[in-house]
PDB file of N, CA and C in Angstrom:
ATOM      1  N   HIS A   1     -23.935 -27.038  20.024  1.00  0.00           N
ATOM      2  CA  HIS A   1     -24.609 -27.066  21.298  1.00  0.00           C
ATOM      3  C   HIS A   1     -24.640 -25.664  21.916  1.00  0.00           C
ATOM      4  N   GLU A   2     -23.491 -25.071  22.047  1.00  0.00           N
ATOM      5  CA  GLU A   2     -23.443 -23.759  22.711  1.00  0.00           C
ATOM      6  C   GLU A   2     -24.140 -22.690  21.882  1.00  0.00           C
ATOM      7  N   HIS A   3     -24.033 -22.803  20.557  1.00  0.00           N
ATOM      8  CA  HIS A   3     -24.731 -21.804  19.739  1.00  0.00           C
ATOM      9  C   HIS A   3     -26.246 -21.919  19.892  1.00  0.00           C
ATOM     10  N   GLN A   4     -26.754 -23.107  20.192  1.00  0.00           N
ATOM     11  CA  GLN A   4     -28.193 -23.234  20.423  1.00  0.00           C
ATOM     12  C   GLN A   4     -28.601 -22.443  21.664  1.00  0.00           C
ATOM     13  N   HIS A   5     -27.707 -22.336  22.645  1.00  0.00           N
ATOM     14  CA  HIS A   5     -28.007 -21.483  23.801  1.00  0.00           C
ATOM     15  C   HIS A   5     -28.095 -20.015  23.376  1.00  0.00           C
ATOM     16  N   VAL A   6     -27.289 -19.609  22.420  1.00  0.00           N
ATOM     17  CA  VAL A   6     -27.391 -18.247  21.877  1.00  0.00           C
ATOM     18  C   VAL A   6     -28.751 -18.070  21.205  1.00  0.00           C
ATOM     19  N   GLU A   7     -29.172 -19.069  20.442  1.00  0.00           N
ATOM     20  CA  GLU A   7     -30.494 -19.021  19.801  1.00  0.00           C
ATOM     21  C   GLU A   7     -31.599 -18.911  20.857  1.00  0.00           C
ATOM     22  N   GLN A   8     -31.474 -19.659  21.938  1.00  0.00           N
ATOM     23  CA  GLN A   8     -32.464 -19.606  23.021  1.00  0.00           C
ATOM     24  C   GLN A   8     -32.507 -18.215  23.642  1.00  0.00           C
ATOM     25  N   GLN A   9     -31.331 -17.656  23.868  1.00  0.00           N
ATOM     26  CA  GLN A   9     -31.243 -16.318  24.451  1.00  0.00           C
ATOM     27  C   GLN A   9     -31.865 -15.290  23.519  1.00  0.00           C
ATOM     28  N   ASP A  10     -31.585 -15.399  22.228  1.00  0.00           N
ATOM     29  CA  ASP A  10     -32.181 -14.475  21.258  1.00  0.00           C
ATOM     30  C   ASP A  10     -33.704 -14.619  21.229  1.00  0.00           C
ATOM     31  N   ARG A  11     -34.182 -15.852  21.308  1.00  0.00           N
ATOM     32  CA  ARG A  11     -35.624 -16.122  21.264  1.00  0.00           C
ATOM     33  C   ARG A  11     -36.334 -15.612  22.516  1.00  0.00           C
ATOM     34  N   ASP A  12     -35.755 -15.893  23.683  1.00  0.00           N
ATOM     35  CA  ASP A  12     -36.428 -15.601  24.947  1.00  0.00           C
ATOM     36  C   ASP A  12     -36.058 -14.253  25.546  1.00  0.00           C
ATOM     37  N   GLY A  13     -34.987 -13.657  25.051  1.00  0.00           N
ATOM     38  CA  GLY A  13     -34.448 -12.441  25.648  1.00  0.00           C
ATOM     39  C   GLY A  13     -33.375 -12.809  26.658  1.00  0.00           C
ATOM     40  N   ALA A  14     -32.348 -11.997  26.719  1.00  0.00           N
ATOM     41  CA  ALA A  14     -31.194 -12.316  27.561  1.00  0.00           C
ATOM     42  C   ALA A  14     -31.577 -12.453  29.035  1.00  0.00           C
ATOM     43  N   PHE A  15     -32.365 -11.516  29.549  1.00  0.00           N
ATOM     44  CA  PHE A  15     -32.722 -11.575  30.964  1.00  0.00           C
ATOM     45  C   PHE A  15     -33.569 -12.803  31.266  1.00  0.00           C
ATOM     46  N   THR A  16     -34.586 -13.032  30.450  1.00  0.00           N
ATOM     47  CA  THR A  16     -35.484 -14.167  30.689  1.00  0.00           C
ATOM     48  C   THR A  16     -34.730 -15.485  30.606  1.00  0.00           C
ATOM     49  N   PHE A  17     -33.884 -15.617  29.576  1.00  0.00           N
ATOM     50  CA  PHE A  17     -33.098 -16.843  29.439  1.00  0.00           C
ATOM     51  C   PHE A  17     -32.241 -17.069  30.682  1.00  0.00           C
ATOM     52  N   ALA A  18     -31.481 -16.064  31.071  1.00  0.00           N
ATOM     53  CA  ALA A  18     -30.576 -16.207  32.217  1.00  0.00           C
ATOM     54  C   ALA A  18     -31.356 -16.481  33.503  1.00  0.00           C
ATOM     55  N   PHE A  19     -32.443 -15.764  33.706  1.00  0.00           N
ATOM     56  CA  PHE A  19     -33.238 -15.951  34.919  1.00  0.00           C
ATOM     57  C   PHE A  19     -33.786 -17.367  34.991  1.00  0.00           C
ATOM     58  N   ARG A  20     -34.396 -17.829  33.912  1.00  0.00           N
ATOM     59  CA  ARG A  20     -34.959 -19.185  33.902  1.00  0.00           C
ATOM     60  C   ARG A  20     -33.866 -20.239  34.075  1.00  0.00           C
ATOM     61  N   TYR A  21     -32.758 -20.062  33.343  1.00  0.00           N
ATOM     62  CA  TYR A  21     -31.675 -21.048  33.404  1.00  0.00           C
ATOM     63  C   TYR A  21     -31.132 -21.173  34.825  1.00  0.00           C
ATOM     64  N   LEU A  22     -30.981 -20.043  35.485  1.00  0.00           N
ATOM     65  CA  LEU A  22     -30.369 -20.044  36.817  1.00  0.00           C
ATOM     66  C   LEU A  22     -31.334 -20.378  37.948  1.00  0.00           C
ATOM     67  N   THR A  23     -32.624 -20.139  37.763  1.00  0.00           N
ATOM     68  CA  THR A  23     -33.556 -20.300  38.878  1.00  0.00           C
ATOM     69  C   THR A  23     -34.502 -21.487  38.757  1.00  0.00           C
ATOM     70  N   SER A  24     -34.608 -22.080  37.597  1.00  0.00           N
ATOM     71  CA  SER A  24     -35.554 -23.179  37.413  1.00  0.00           C
ATOM     72  C   SER A  24     -34.834 -24.431  36.932  1.00  0.00           C
ATOM     73  N   ARG A  25     -34.887 -25.466  37.735  1.00  0.00           N
ATOM     74  CA  ARG A  25     -34.264 -26.731  37.336  1.00  0.00           C
ATOM     75  C   ARG A  25     -34.907 -27.278  36.068  1.00  0.00           C
ATOM     76  N   ALA A  26     -36.227 -27.216  36.005  1.00  0.00           N
ATOM     77  CA  ALA A  26     -36.937 -27.735  34.830  1.00  0.00           C
ATOM     78  C   ALA A  26     -36.583 -26.940  33.578  1.00  0.00           C
ATOM     79  N   ALA A  27     -36.509 -25.619  33.698  1.00  0.00           N
ATOM     80  CA  ALA A  27     -36.143 -24.794  32.541  1.00  0.00           C
ATOM     81  C   ALA A  27     -34.709 -25.080  32.113  1.00  0.00           C
ATOM     82  N   ARG A  28     -33.806 -25.207  33.078  1.00  0.00           N
ATOM     83  CA  ARG A  28     -32.408 -25.514  32.754  1.00  0.00           C
ATOM     84  C   ARG A  28     -32.318 -26.839  32.005  1.00  0.00           C
ATOM     85  N   ALA A  29     -33.050 -27.842  32.473  1.00  0.00           N
ATOM     86  CA  ALA A  29     -33.047 -29.141  31.796  1.00  0.00           C
ATOM     87  C   ALA A  29     -33.628 -29.027  30.394  1.00  0.00           C
ATOM     88  N   ALA A  30     -34.686 -28.251  30.236  1.00  0.00           N
ATOM     89  CA  ALA A  30     -35.295 -28.081  28.912  1.00  0.00           C
ATOM     90  C   ALA A  30     -34.354 -27.354  27.961  1.00  0.00           C
ATOM     91  N   TYR A  31     -33.697 -26.305  28.444  1.00  0.00           N
ATOM     92  CA  TYR A  31     -32.720 -25.598  27.607  1.00  0.00           C
ATOM     93  C   TYR A  31     -31.588 -26.540  27.191  1.00  0.00           C
ATOM     94  N   GLU A  32     -31.110 -27.340  28.131  1.00  0.00           N
ATOM     95  CA  GLU A  32     -30.015 -28.255  27.811  1.00  0.00           C
ATOM     96  C   GLU A  32     -30.464 -29.369  26.868  1.00  0.00           C
ATOM     97  N   ALA A  33     -31.656 -29.907  27.084  1.00  0.00           N
ATOM     98  CA  ALA A  33     -32.155 -30.949  26.174  1.00  0.00           C
ATOM     99  C   ALA A  33     -32.263 -30.398  24.760  1.00  0.00           C
ATOM    100  N   ASP A  34     -32.735 -29.164  24.642  1.00  0.00           N
ATOM    101  CA  ASP A  34     -32.814 -28.518  23.331  1.00  0.00           C
ATOM    102  C   ASP A  34     -31.422 -28.390  22.710  1.00  0.00           C
ATOM    103  N   ALA A  35     -30.450 -28.003  23.511  1.00  0.00           N
ATOM    104  CA  ALA A  35     -29.085 -27.873  22.996  1.00  0.00           C
ATOM    105  C   ALA A  35     -28.473 -29.237  22.678  1.00  0.00           C
ATOM    106  N   TYR A  36     -28.816 -30.268  23.465  1.00  0.00           N
ATOM    107  CA  TYR A  36     -28.315 -31.610  23.164  1.00  0.00           C
ATOM    108  C   TYR A  36     -28.872 -32.147  21.848  1.00  0.00           C
ATOM    109  N   ARG A  37     -29.999 -31.593  21.394  1.00  0.00           N
ATOM    110  CA  ARG A  37     -30.478 -31.957  20.056  1.00  0.00           C
ATOM    111  C   ARG A  37     -29.403 -31.655  19.013  1.00  0.00           C
ATOM    112  N   CYS A  38     -28.695 -30.541  19.208  1.00  0.00           N
ATOM    113  CA  CYS A  38     -27.594 -30.207  18.286  1.00  0.00           C
ATOM    114  C   CYS A  38     -26.549 -31.312  18.272  1.00  0.00           C
ATOM    115  N   ASN A  39     -26.241 -31.837  19.450  1.00  0.00           N
ATOM    116  CA  ASN A  39     -25.285 -32.940  19.516  1.00  0.00           C
ATOM    117  C   ASN A  39     -25.769 -34.111  18.673  1.00  0.00           C
ATOM    118  N   LEU A  40     -27.061 -34.454  18.825  1.00  0.00           N
ATOM    119  CA  LEU A  40     -27.643 -35.545  18.033  1.00  0.00           C
ATOM    120  C   LEU A  40     -27.544 -35.243  16.541  1.00  0.00           C
ATOM    121  N   GLU A  41     -27.951 -34.050  16.165  1.00  0.00           N
ATOM    122  CA  GLU A  41     -28.023 -33.673  14.755  1.00  0.00           C
ATOM    123  C   GLU A  41     -26.651 -33.659  14.088  1.00  0.00           C
ATOM    124  N   LEU A  42     -25.702 -32.981  14.707  1.00  0.00           N
ATOM    125  CA  LEU A  42     -24.385 -32.853  14.077  1.00  0.00           C
ATOM    126  C   LEU A  42     -23.605 -34.161  14.112  1.00  0.00           C
ATOM    127  N   HIS A  43     -23.767 -34.930  15.164  1.00  0.00           N
ATOM    128  CA  HIS A  43     -23.118 -36.244  15.211  1.00  0.00           C
ATOM    129  C   HIS A  43     -23.660 -37.129  14.082  1.00  0.00           C
ATOM    130  N   HIS A  44     -24.965 -37.126  13.897  1.00  0.00           N
ATOM    131  CA  HIS A  44     -25.570 -37.932  12.828  1.00  0.00           C
ATOM    132  C   HIS A  44     -25.125 -37.432  11.458  1.00  0.00           C
ATOM    133  N   TRP A  45     -25.094 -36.133  11.271  1.00  0.00           N
ATOM    134  CA  TRP A  45     -24.670 -35.562   9.992  1.00  0.00           C
ATOM    135  C   TRP A  45     -23.246 -36.021   9.649  1.00  0.00           C
ATOM    136  N   HIS A  46     -22.386 -36.060  10.655  1.00  0.00           N
ATOM    137  CA  HIS A  46     -20.977 -36.395  10.434  1.00  0.00           C
ATOM    138  C   HIS A  46     -20.718 -37.898  10.382  1.00  0.00           C
ATOM    139  N   THR A  47     -21.419 -38.681  11.198  1.00  0.00           N
ATOM    140  CA  THR A  47     -21.095 -40.109  11.300  1.00  0.00           C
ATOM    141  C   THR A  47     -22.163 -41.043  10.750  1.00  0.00           C
ATOM    142  N   GLY A  48     -23.386 -40.539  10.632  1.00  0.00           N
ATOM    143  CA  GLY A  48     -24.488 -41.398  10.209  1.00  0.00           C
ATOM    144  C   GLY A  48     -25.065 -42.227  11.342  1.00  0.00           C
ATOM    145  N   THR A  49     -24.578 -42.019  12.553  1.00  0.00           N
ATOM    146  CA  THR A  49     -25.081 -42.759  13.714  1.00  0.00           C
ATOM    147  C   THR A  49     -25.784 -41.802  14.675  1.00  0.00           C
ATOM    148  N   ILE A  50     -26.593 -42.389  15.545  1.00  0.00           N
ATOM    149  CA  ILE A  50     -27.336 -41.607  16.534  1.00  0.00           C
ATOM    150  C   ILE A  50     -26.724 -41.834  17.908  1.00  0.00           C
ATOM    151  N   ARG A  51     -26.397 -40.748  18.574  1.00  0.00           N
ATOM    152  CA  ARG A  51     -25.913 -40.855  19.955  1.00  0.00           C
ATOM    153  C   ARG A  51     -27.068 -41.289  20.845  1.00  0.00           C
ATOM    154  N   SER A  52     -26.761 -41.901  21.935  1.00  0.00           N
ATOM    155  CA  SER A  52     -27.774 -42.393  22.861  1.00  0.00           C
ATOM    156  C   SER A  52     -28.495 -41.237  23.556  1.00  0.00           C
ATOM    157  N   PRO A  53     -29.816 -41.108  23.337  1.00  0.00           N
ATOM    158  CA  PRO A  53     -30.562 -40.069  24.056  1.00  0.00           C
ATOM    159  C   PRO A  53     -30.457 -40.230  25.574  1.00  0.00           C
ATOM    160  N   GLY A  54     -30.433 -41.462  26.043  1.00  0.00           N
ATOM    161  CA  GLY A  54     -30.311 -41.701  27.475  1.00  0.00           C
ATOM    162  C   GLY A  54     -28.991 -41.211  28.036  1.00  0.00           C
ATOM    163  N   GLU A  55     -27.905 -41.472  27.315  1.00  0.00           N
ATOM    164  CA  GLU A  55     -26.593 -41.011  27.778  1.00  0.00           C
ATOM    165  C   GLU A  55     -26.512 -39.489  27.782  1.00  0.00           C
ATOM    166  N   LEU A  56     -27.080 -38.857  26.758  1.00  0.00           N
ATOM    167  CA  LEU A  56     -27.082 -37.393  26.731  1.00  0.00           C
ATOM    168  C   LEU A  56     -27.893 -36.838  27.900  1.00  0.00           C
ATOM    169  N   ALA A  57     -29.062 -37.408  28.141  1.00  0.00           N
ATOM    170  CA  ALA A  57     -29.908 -36.937  29.244  1.00  0.00           C
ATOM    171  C   ALA A  57     -29.219 -37.140  30.592  1.00  0.00           C
ATOM    172  N   GLU A  58     -28.472 -38.223  30.735  1.00  0.00           N
ATOM    173  CA  GLU A  58     -27.764 -38.497  31.996  1.00  0.00           C
ATOM    174  C   GLU A  58     -26.752 -37.404  32.330  1.00  0.00           C
ATOM    175  N   ARG A  59     -26.236 -36.722  31.324  1.00  0.00           N
ATOM    176  CA  ARG A  59     -25.285 -35.635  31.579  1.00  0.00           C
ATOM    177  C   ARG A  59     -25.897 -34.539  32.446  1.00  0.00           C
ATOM    178  N   LEU A  60     -27.220 -34.460  32.431  1.00  0.00           N
ATOM    179  CA  LEU A  60     -27.894 -33.413  33.197  1.00  0.00           C
ATOM    180  C   LEU A  60     -27.770 -33.605  34.704  1.00  0.00           C
ATOM    181  N   ARG A  61     -27.337 -34.770  35.149  1.00  0.00           N
ATOM    182  CA  ARG A  61     -27.175 -35.010  36.590  1.00  0.00           C
ATOM    183  C   ARG A  61     -26.250 -33.970  37.222  1.00  0.00           C
ATOM    184  N   SER A  62     -25.257 -33.538  36.490  1.00  0.00           N
ATOM    185  CA  SER A  62     -24.310 -32.565  37.036  1.00  0.00           C
ATOM    186  C   SER A  62     -24.821 -31.123  36.930  1.00  0.00           C
ATOM    187  N   TYR A  63     -26.047 -30.947  36.445  1.00  0.00           N
ATOM    188  CA  TYR A  63     -26.627 -29.615  36.295  1.00  0.00           C
ATOM    189  C   TYR A  63     -27.588 -29.266  37.428  1.00  0.00           C
ATOM    190  N   GLY A  64     -27.681 -30.111  38.426  1.00  0.00           N
ATOM    191  CA  GLY A  64     -28.544 -29.819  39.560  1.00  0.00           C
ATOM    192  C   GLY A  64     -30.023 -29.893  39.246  1.00  0.00           C
ATOM    193  N   VAL A  65     -30.395 -30.805  38.360  1.00  0.00           N
ATOM    194  CA  VAL A  65     -31.807 -30.959  38.007  1.00  0.00           C
ATOM    195  C   VAL A  65     -32.389 -32.179  38.713  1.00  0.00           C
ATOM    196  N   ARG A  66     -33.697 -32.293  38.676  1.00  0.00           N
ATOM    197  CA  ARG A  66     -34.382 -33.410  39.323  1.00  0.00           C
ATOM    198  C   ARG A  66     -34.434 -34.622  38.401  1.00  0.00           C
ATOM    199  N   GLU A  67     -34.701 -35.763  38.990  1.00  0.00           N
ATOM    200  CA  GLU A  67     -34.840 -37.005  38.214  1.00  0.00           C
ATOM    201  C   GLU A  67     -35.936 -36.862  37.154  1.00  0.00           C
ATOM    202  N   ALA A  68     -37.034 -36.235  37.534  1.00  0.00           N
ATOM    203  CA  ALA A  68     -38.133 -36.037  36.578  1.00  0.00           C
ATOM    204  C   ALA A  68     -37.694 -35.182  35.393  1.00  0.00           C
ATOM    205  N   ASP A  69     -36.822 -34.201  35.638  1.00  0.00           N
ATOM    206  CA  ASP A  69     -36.315 -33.355  34.553  1.00  0.00           C
ATOM    207  C   ASP A  69     -35.461 -34.170  33.587  1.00  0.00           C
ATOM    208  N   ILE A  70     -34.676 -35.086  34.129  1.00  0.00           N
ATOM    209  CA  ILE A  70     -33.851 -35.963  33.296  1.00  0.00           C
ATOM    210  C   ILE A  70     -34.745 -36.869  32.463  1.00  0.00           C
ATOM    211  N   ASP A  71     -35.804 -37.375  33.066  1.00  0.00           N
ATOM    212  CA  ASP A  71     -36.742 -38.230  32.328  1.00  0.00           C
ATOM    213  C   ASP A  71     -37.394 -37.477  31.174  1.00  0.00           C
ATOM    214  N   VAL A  72     -37.813 -36.236  31.429  1.00  0.00           N
ATOM    215  CA  VAL A  72     -38.420 -35.422  30.369  1.00  0.00           C
ATOM    216  C   VAL A  72     -37.397 -35.147  29.269  1.00  0.00           C
ATOM    217  N   ALA A  73     -36.170 -34.833  29.658  1.00  0.00           N
ATOM    218  CA  ALA A  73     -35.119 -34.584  28.669  1.00  0.00           C
ATOM    219  C   ALA A  73     -34.881 -35.821  27.814  1.00  0.00           C
ATOM    220  N   GLU A  74     -34.838 -36.985  28.443  1.00  0.00           N
ATOM    221  CA  GLU A  74     -34.621 -38.218  27.679  1.00  0.00           C
ATOM    222  C   GLU A  74     -35.764 -38.457  26.696  1.00  0.00           C
ATOM    223  N   THR A  75     -36.991 -38.257  27.134  1.00  0.00           N
ATOM    224  CA  THR A  75     -38.146 -38.426  26.248  1.00  0.00           C
ATOM    225  C   THR A  75     -38.066 -37.458  25.071  1.00  0.00           C
ATOM    226  N   THR A  76     -37.685 -36.222  25.361  1.00  0.00           N
ATOM    227  CA  THR A  76     -37.520 -35.210  24.316  1.00  0.00           C
ATOM    228  C   THR A  76     -36.452 -35.635  23.317  1.00  0.00           C
ATOM    229  N   LEU A  77     -35.346 -36.142  23.823  1.00  0.00           N
ATOM    230  CA  LEU A  77     -34.240 -36.541  22.948  1.00  0.00           C
ATOM    231  C   LEU A  77     -34.565 -37.805  22.159  1.00  0.00           C
ATOM    232  N   ILE A  78     -35.338 -38.710  22.727  1.00  0.00           N
ATOM    233  CA  ILE A  78     -35.766 -39.905  21.984  1.00  0.00           C
ATOM    234  C   ILE A  78     -36.617 -39.487  20.791  1.00  0.00           C
ATOM    235  N   ALA A  79     -37.546 -38.565  21.022  1.00  0.00           N
ATOM    236  CA  ALA A  79     -38.386 -38.073  19.926  1.00  0.00           C
ATOM    237  C   ALA A  79     -37.540 -37.367  18.874  1.00  0.00           C
ATOM    238  N   ALA A  80     -36.586 -36.564  19.314  1.00  0.00           N
ATOM    239  CA  ALA A  80     -35.707 -35.863  18.380  1.00  0.00           C
ATOM    240  C   ALA A  80     -34.872 -36.847  17.574  1.00  0.00           C
ATOM    241  N   ALA A  81     -34.419 -37.913  18.213  1.00  0.00           N
ATOM    242  CA  ALA A  81     -33.578 -38.899  17.525  1.00  0.00           C
ATOM    243  C   ALA A  81     -34.303 -39.525  16.342  1.00  0.00           C
ATOM    244  N   ARG A  82     -35.605 -39.720  16.461  1.00  0.00           N
ATOM    245  CA  ARG A  82     -36.375 -40.272  15.337  1.00  0.00           C
ATOM    246  C   ARG A  82     -36.327 -39.331  14.136  1.00  0.00           C
ATOM    247  N   THR A  83     -36.508 -38.052  14.395  1.00  0.00           N
ATOM    248  CA  THR A  83     -36.456 -37.055  13.321  1.00  0.00           C
ATOM    249  C   THR A  83     -35.061 -36.981  12.724  1.00  0.00           C
ATOM    250  N   VAL A  84     -34.059 -36.969  13.584  1.00  0.00           N
ATOM    251  CA  VAL A  84     -32.668 -36.879  13.125  1.00  0.00           C
ATOM    252  C   VAL A  84     -32.302 -38.103  12.298  1.00  0.00           C
ATOM    253  N   LYS A  85     -32.697 -39.282  12.748  1.00  0.00           N
ATOM    254  CA  LYS A  85     -32.390 -40.515  12.015  1.00  0.00           C
ATOM    255  C   LYS A  85     -32.993 -40.483  10.615  1.00  0.00           C
ATOM    256  N   ALA A  86     -34.132 -39.814  10.477  1.00  0.00           N
ATOM    257  CA  ALA A  86     -34.784 -39.684   9.172  1.00  0.00           C
ATOM    258  C   ALA A  86     -34.169 -38.564   8.333  1.00  0.00           C
ATOM    259  N   GLY A  87     -33.134 -37.912   8.866  1.00  0.00           N
ATOM    260  CA  GLY A  87     -32.438 -36.867   8.120  1.00  0.00           C
ATOM    261  C   GLY A  87     -32.870 -35.456   8.451  1.00  0.00           C
ATOM    262  N   GLY A  88     -33.727 -35.304   9.449  1.00  0.00           N
ATOM    263  CA  GLY A  88     -34.218 -33.977   9.801  1.00  0.00           C
ATOM    264  C   GLY A  88     -33.276 -33.218  10.712  1.00  0.00           C
ATOM    265  N   LEU A  89     -33.340 -31.915  10.593  1.00  0.00           N
ATOM    266  CA  LEU A  89     -32.635 -31.012  11.502  1.00  0.00           C
ATOM    267  C   LEU A  89     -33.694 -30.185  12.214  1.00  0.00           C
ATOM    268  N   ILE A  90     -33.608 -30.099  13.519  1.00  0.00           N
ATOM    269  CA  ILE A  90     -34.623 -29.428  14.328  1.00  0.00           C
ATOM    270  C   ILE A  90     -34.154 -28.051  14.776  1.00  0.00           C
ATOM    271  N   THR A  91     -32.960 -27.972  15.291  1.00  0.00           N
ATOM    272  CA  THR A  91     -32.507 -26.735  15.930  1.00  0.00           C
ATOM    273  C   THR A  91     -31.981 -25.724  14.919  1.00  0.00           C
ATOM    274  N   PRO A  92     -32.250 -24.443  15.180  1.00  0.00           N
ATOM    275  CA  PRO A  92     -31.702 -23.405  14.308  1.00  0.00           C
ATOM    276  C   PRO A  92     -30.174 -23.457  14.232  1.00  0.00           C
ATOM    277  N   ALA A  93     -29.520 -23.732  15.350  1.00  0.00           N
ATOM    278  CA  ALA A  93     -28.055 -23.768  15.355  1.00  0.00           C
ATOM    279  C   ALA A  93     -27.517 -24.855  14.428  1.00  0.00           C
ATOM    280  N   SER A  94     -28.131 -26.023  14.440  1.00  0.00           N
ATOM    281  CA  SER A  94     -27.672 -27.105  13.561  1.00  0.00           C
ATOM    282  C   SER A  94     -27.946 -26.791  12.101  1.00  0.00           C
ATOM    283  N   LYS A  95     -29.069 -26.155  11.826  1.00  0.00           N
ATOM    284  CA  LYS A  95     -29.375 -25.779  10.439  1.00  0.00           C
ATOM    285  C   LYS A  95     -28.310 -24.838   9.893  1.00  0.00           C
ATOM    286  N   VAL A  96     -27.918 -23.863  10.703  1.00  0.00           N
ATOM    287  CA  VAL A  96     -26.865 -22.929  10.289  1.00  0.00           C
ATOM    288  C   VAL A  96     -25.534 -23.659  10.146  1.00  0.00           C
ATOM    289  N   ALA A  97     -25.207 -24.501  11.119  1.00  0.00           N
ATOM    290  CA  ALA A  97     -23.931 -25.222  11.089  1.00  0.00           C
ATOM    291  C   ALA A  97     -23.834 -26.137   9.880  1.00  0.00           C
ATOM    292  N   VAL A  98     -24.889 -26.889   9.602  1.00  0.00           N
ATOM    293  CA  VAL A  98     -24.862 -27.819   8.469  1.00  0.00           C
ATOM    294  C   VAL A  98     -24.777 -27.059   7.150  1.00  0.00           C
ATOM    295  N   ALA A  99     -25.486 -25.953   7.024  1.00  0.00           N
ATOM    296  CA  ALA A  99     -25.388 -25.151   5.796  1.00  0.00           C
ATOM    297  C   ALA A  99     -23.950 -24.674   5.589  1.00  0.00           C
ATOM    298  N   TRP A 100     -23.322 -24.212   6.665  1.00  0.00           N
ATOM    299  CA  TRP A 100     -21.942 -23.743   6.567  1.00  0.00           C
ATOM    300  C   TRP A 100     -21.004 -24.902   6.233  1.00  0.00           C
ATOM    301  N   LEU A 101     -21.160 -26.013   6.922  1.00  0.00           N
ATOM    302  CA  LEU A 101     -20.296 -27.173   6.685  1.00  0.00           C
ATOM    303  C   LEU A 101     -20.447 -27.708   5.270  1.00  0.00           C
ATOM    304  N   ARG A 102     -21.656 -27.743   4.757  1.00  0.00           N
ATOM    305  CA  ARG A 102     -21.853 -28.233   3.382  1.00  0.00           C
ATOM    306  C   ARG A 102     -21.152 -27.338   2.374  1.00  0.00           C
ATOM    307  N   GLN A 103     -21.083 -26.059   2.669  1.00  0.00           N
ATOM    308  CA  GLN A 103     -20.411 -25.132   1.761  1.00  0.00           C
ATOM    309  C   GLN A 103     -18.892 -25.175   1.916  1.00  0.00           C
ATOM    310  N   HIS A 104     -18.413 -25.289   3.135  1.00  0.00           N
ATOM    311  CA  HIS A 104     -16.980 -25.142   3.402  1.00  0.00           C
ATOM    312  C   HIS A 104     -16.235 -26.444   3.694  1.00  0.00           C
ATOM    313  N   ALA A 105     -16.948 -27.484   4.085  1.00  0.00           N
ATOM    314  CA  ALA A 105     -16.289 -28.759   4.409  1.00  0.00           C
ATOM    315  C   ALA A 105     -17.212 -29.930   4.074  1.00  0.00           C
ATOM    316  N   PRO A 106     -17.654 -30.031   2.831  1.00  0.00           N
ATOM    317  CA  PRO A 106     -18.625 -31.076   2.474  1.00  0.00           C
ATOM    318  C   PRO A 106     -18.101 -32.492   2.693  1.00  0.00           C
ATOM    319  N   GLU A 107     -16.801 -32.652   2.701  1.00  0.00           N
ATOM    320  CA  GLU A 107     -16.215 -33.982   2.893  1.00  0.00           C
ATOM    321  C   GLU A 107     -16.472 -34.535   4.301  1.00  0.00           C
ATOM    322  N   LEU A 108     -16.882 -33.694   5.215  1.00  0.00           N
ATOM    323  CA  LEU A 108     -17.163 -34.149   6.579  1.00  0.00           C
ATOM    324  C   LEU A 108     -18.536 -34.796   6.725  1.00  0.00           C
ATOM    325  N   GLU A 109     -19.398 -34.616   5.731  1.00  0.00           N
ATOM    326  CA  GLU A 109     -20.742 -35.187   5.820  1.00  0.00           C
ATOM    327  C   GLU A 109     -20.703 -36.681   5.550  1.00  0.00           C
ATOM    328  N   HIS A 110     -21.357 -37.426   6.411  1.00  0.00           N
ATOM    329  CA  HIS A 110     -21.451 -38.871   6.229  1.00  0.00           C
ATOM    330  C   HIS A 110     -22.258 -39.165   4.973  1.00  0.00           C
ATOM    331  N   ARG A 111     -21.756 -40.064   4.180  1.00  0.00           N
ATOM    332  CA  ARG A 111     -22.468 -40.487   2.967  1.00  0.00           C
ATOM    333  C   ARG A 111     -22.753 -41.971   3.084  1.00  0.00           C
ATOM    334  N   SER A 112     -24.004 -42.343   2.977  1.00  0.00           N
ATOM    335  CA  SER A 112     -24.370 -43.763   3.032  1.00  0.00           C
ATOM    336  C   SER A 112     -23.695 -44.514   1.906  1.00  0.00           C
ATOM    337  N   GLY A 113     -23.092 -45.635   2.248  1.00  0.00           N
ATOM    338  CA  GLY A 113     -22.447 -46.473   1.246  1.00  0.00           C
ATOM    339  C   GLY A 113     -21.101 -45.970   0.773  1.00  0.00           C
ATOM    340  N   ALA A 114     -20.612 -44.886   1.380  1.00  0.00           N
ATOM    341  CA  ALA A 114     -19.321 -44.346   0.941  1.00  0.00           C
ATOM    342  C   ALA A 114     -18.179 -45.052   1.627  1.00  0.00           C
TER     343      ALA A 114
END
């Protein structure tokens, strides 16, 4: 999750990322929803189950965002959950993490029927 924020900062530039995160509720919610994709991806990789997109989006209440921002985040996470359930990885941070884990701790990956 936190490494995805590093990816966002690298993509958008440090100043732009920080400015948007601190000054725009909608941008903050979008950055967090993107990072929560990592939670979905890595949890599924490890357990084979999907975390609730609604519960993840609800965490944004403590981030000072609007109800509409939470709704958009939930919709984003629902769409991501479909991809994750099919075995896809969306975020750069999760792709790096899973590659590392497969090399160094393959026993942590959920195996169907194991």
